[in-house]
Amino acid sequence: MTREKKIKGRKRHIIVDTLGLIISAEVHSASIQDRNGGLELLKKAKQEYDSIVRFFADGGYSGKLQDQCFLETGALLTIAKRVTDKGFEVIPKRWIVERTFAWLSNFRRMSKEYEKSCKTSKTNIFFNMITIMVKRLVN
């Protein structure tokens, strides 16, 4: 799980599996703290997929969210951290989510935030992911 802020005032949160396919997504205003928006998404993903035992997230989700995640979902929330502070480094597990955001940004309506409604933005995320999966099946 990671966050991505395309324009001022809007944040996108997604949860993906190890293949980079979206399990759950949420779009909300930037006034909501990452940890608060992430907890609702984690609970929703755990309800839909009871077999999840561990989530990975970036540093923006550290702190009380880890305890709340375990208490409310029964799944561990592990923060993927950098090993060194020297230049560019691939952070374990984080690249999977970043790759999914890169796939989604190839769609014109996802390259910038054109939508007025957060619901429409969320729908676009799922619609574009369906398009990606159909193309994989065809090839």
Protein backbone atom coordinates (compact mmCIF):
# COMPACT_ATOMS: atom_id res chain seq x y z
CA MET A 1 0.00 0.00 0.00
CA THR A 2 1.24 3.46 -0.79
CA ARG A 3 -0.05 6.90 -1.42
CA GLU A 4 0.24 9.13 -4.43
CA LYS A 5 -0.67 12.77 -4.63
CA LYS A 6 -1.16 13.94 -8.21
CA ILE A 7 -2.47 17.43 -7.55
CA LYS A 8 -3.02 19.65 -4.57
CA GLY A 9 -6.00 18.45 -2.61
CA ARG A 10 -6.32 14.80 -3.70
CA LYS A 11 -4.67 11.56 -2.51
CA ARG A 12 -4.90 8.06 -3.92
CA HIS A 13 -4.39 4.98 -1.76
CA ILE A 14 -4.24 1.49 -3.24
CA ILE A 15 -3.64 -2.01 -1.94
CA VAL A 16 -2.19 -4.45 -4.46
CA ASP A 17 -1.27 -8.11 -4.45
CA THR A 18 2.22 -9.40 -5.28
CA LEU A 19 1.46 -9.20 -9.03
CA GLY A 20 0.52 -5.54 -8.77
CA LEU A 21 -3.21 -6.09 -9.31
CA ILE A 22 -5.45 -3.82 -7.27
CA ILE A 23 -7.26 -5.35 -4.30
CA SER A 24 -8.70 -2.15 -2.89
CA ALA A 25 -8.47 1.59 -3.59
CA GLU A 26 -9.56 4.88 -2.05
CA VAL A 27 -9.40 8.49 -3.20
CA HIS A 28 -9.97 11.33 -0.77
CA SER A 29 -9.06 14.94 -0.11
CA ALA A 30 -5.57 15.81 1.06
CA SER A 31 -6.95 17.18 4.33
CA ILE A 32 -7.33 13.61 5.63
CA GLN A 33 -4.13 12.24 7.19
CA ASP A 34 -2.56 9.25 5.40
CA ARG A 35 -2.83 7.07 8.48
CA ASN A 36 -6.57 7.78 8.87
CA GLY A 37 -7.37 7.15 5.22
CA GLY A 38 -5.23 4.04 5.21
CA LEU A 39 -6.98 2.40 8.16
CA GLU A 40 -10.36 2.38 6.43
CA LEU A 41 -8.76 0.91 3.32
CA LEU A 42 -7.00 -1.80 5.31
CA LYS A 43 -10.24 -2.77 7.06
CA LYS A 44 -12.10 -2.92 3.75
CA ALA A 45 -9.42 -5.10 2.15
CA LYS A 46 -9.36 -7.47 5.12
CA GLN A 47 -13.16 -7.83 5.04
CA GLU A 48 -13.12 -8.69 1.35
CA TYR A 49 -10.07 -10.99 1.55
CA ASP A 50 -9.97 -12.70 4.93
CA SER A 51 -6.82 -14.67 4.05
CA ILE A 52 -4.59 -11.55 4.19
CA VAL A 53 -2.20 -11.84 7.13
CA ARG A 54 0.28 -9.03 6.37
CA PHE A 55 0.24 -5.64 4.69
CA PHE A 56 3.32 -3.71 3.55
CA ALA A 57 3.31 0.10 3.49
CA ASP A 58 5.70 3.01 3.14
CA GLY A 59 6.86 5.36 5.89
CA GLY A 60 3.82 7.65 5.62
CA TYR A 61 1.73 4.98 7.31
CA SER A 62 4.00 4.34 10.29
CA GLY A 63 3.05 5.02 13.90
CA LYS A 64 -0.28 4.26 15.54
CA LEU A 65 -1.67 2.81 12.33
CA GLN A 66 0.39 -0.34 12.82
CA ASP A 67 -1.21 -1.02 16.20
CA GLN A 68 -4.70 -0.07 14.98
CA CYS A 69 -4.33 -2.32 11.95
CA PHE A 70 -3.49 -5.33 14.09
CA LEU A 71 -6.25 -4.63 16.63
CA GLU A 72 -8.99 -4.01 14.06
CA THR A 73 -8.05 -6.44 11.28
CA GLY A 74 -5.80 -9.03 12.92
CA ALA A 75 -3.21 -8.52 10.16
CA LEU A 76 0.28 -7.15 10.59
CA LEU A 77 1.26 -3.85 8.96
CA THR A 78 4.96 -3.86 8.07
CA ILE A 79 6.65 -0.61 7.07
CA ALA A 80 9.07 -0.97 4.14
CA LYS A 81 12.07 1.18 5.00
CA ARG A 82 15.26 2.22 3.22
CA VAL A 83 18.35 0.28 4.27
CA THR A 84 20.87 3.07 3.58
CA ASP A 85 20.70 6.81 2.97
CA LYS A 86 22.98 6.71 -0.08
CA GLY A 87 21.26 7.87 -3.28
CA PHE A 88 18.64 5.82 -5.10
CA GLU A 89 17.63 2.53 -3.60
CA VAL A 90 14.88 0.08 -4.49
CA ILE A 91 12.77 -0.35 -1.38
CA PRO A 92 11.57 -3.96 -0.94
CA LYS A 93 7.84 -4.47 -1.70
CA ARG A 94 7.36 -0.75 -2.37
CA TRP A 95 8.26 -1.07 -6.06
CA ILE A 96 5.23 -3.31 -6.64
CA VAL A 97 2.84 -0.48 -5.77
CA GLU A 98 4.91 2.11 -7.63
CA ARG A 99 4.79 -0.08 -10.74
CA THR A 100 1.00 -0.23 -10.49
CA PHE A 101 0.81 3.57 -10.24
CA ALA A 102 3.04 3.75 -13.34
CA TRP A 103 0.68 1.43 -15.24
CA LEU A 104 -2.29 3.57 -14.25
CA SER A 105 -0.60 6.83 -15.19
CA ASN A 106 -0.38 5.60 -18.80
CA PHE A 107 -4.11 6.29 -19.09
CA ARG A 108 -4.90 9.87 -20.10
CA ARG A 109 -7.49 10.47 -17.39
CA MET A 110 -5.12 9.15 -14.73
CA SER A 111 -2.09 11.19 -15.79
CA LYS A 112 -3.60 14.21 -14.05
CA GLU A 113 -6.63 14.62 -11.84
CA TYR A 114 -9.33 15.76 -14.24
CA GLU A 115 -12.25 14.56 -12.16
CA LYS A 116 -14.24 16.72 -9.75
CA SER A 117 -15.52 13.83 -7.67
CA CYS A 118 -13.40 11.43 -5.64
CA LYS A 119 -15.87 8.65 -6.52
CA THR A 120 -15.22 9.17 -10.23
CA SER A 121 -11.46 9.03 -9.63
CA LYS A 122 -11.84 5.79 -7.70
CA THR A 123 -14.00 4.31 -10.47
CA ASN A 124 -11.35 5.25 -13.03
CA ILE A 125 -8.72 3.36 -11.04
CA PHE A 126 -10.76 0.15 -11.16
CA PHE A 127 -11.85 0.63 -14.78
CA ASN A 128 -8.26 1.15 -15.92
CA MET A 129 -7.07 -1.86 -13.92
CA ILE A 130 -9.74 -3.99 -15.63
CA THR A 131 -8.41 -2.74 -18.99
CA ILE A 132 -4.87 -3.76 -17.99
CA MET A 133 -6.01 -7.24 -16.93
CA VAL A 134 -8.05 -7.79 -20.13
CA LYS A 135 -5.03 -6.84 -22.26
CA ARG A 136 -2.95 -9.40 -20.32
CA LEU A 137 -5.53 -12.11 -20.99
CA VAL A 138 -5.68 -11.34 -24.70
CA ASN A 139 -1.91 -11.42 -25.20
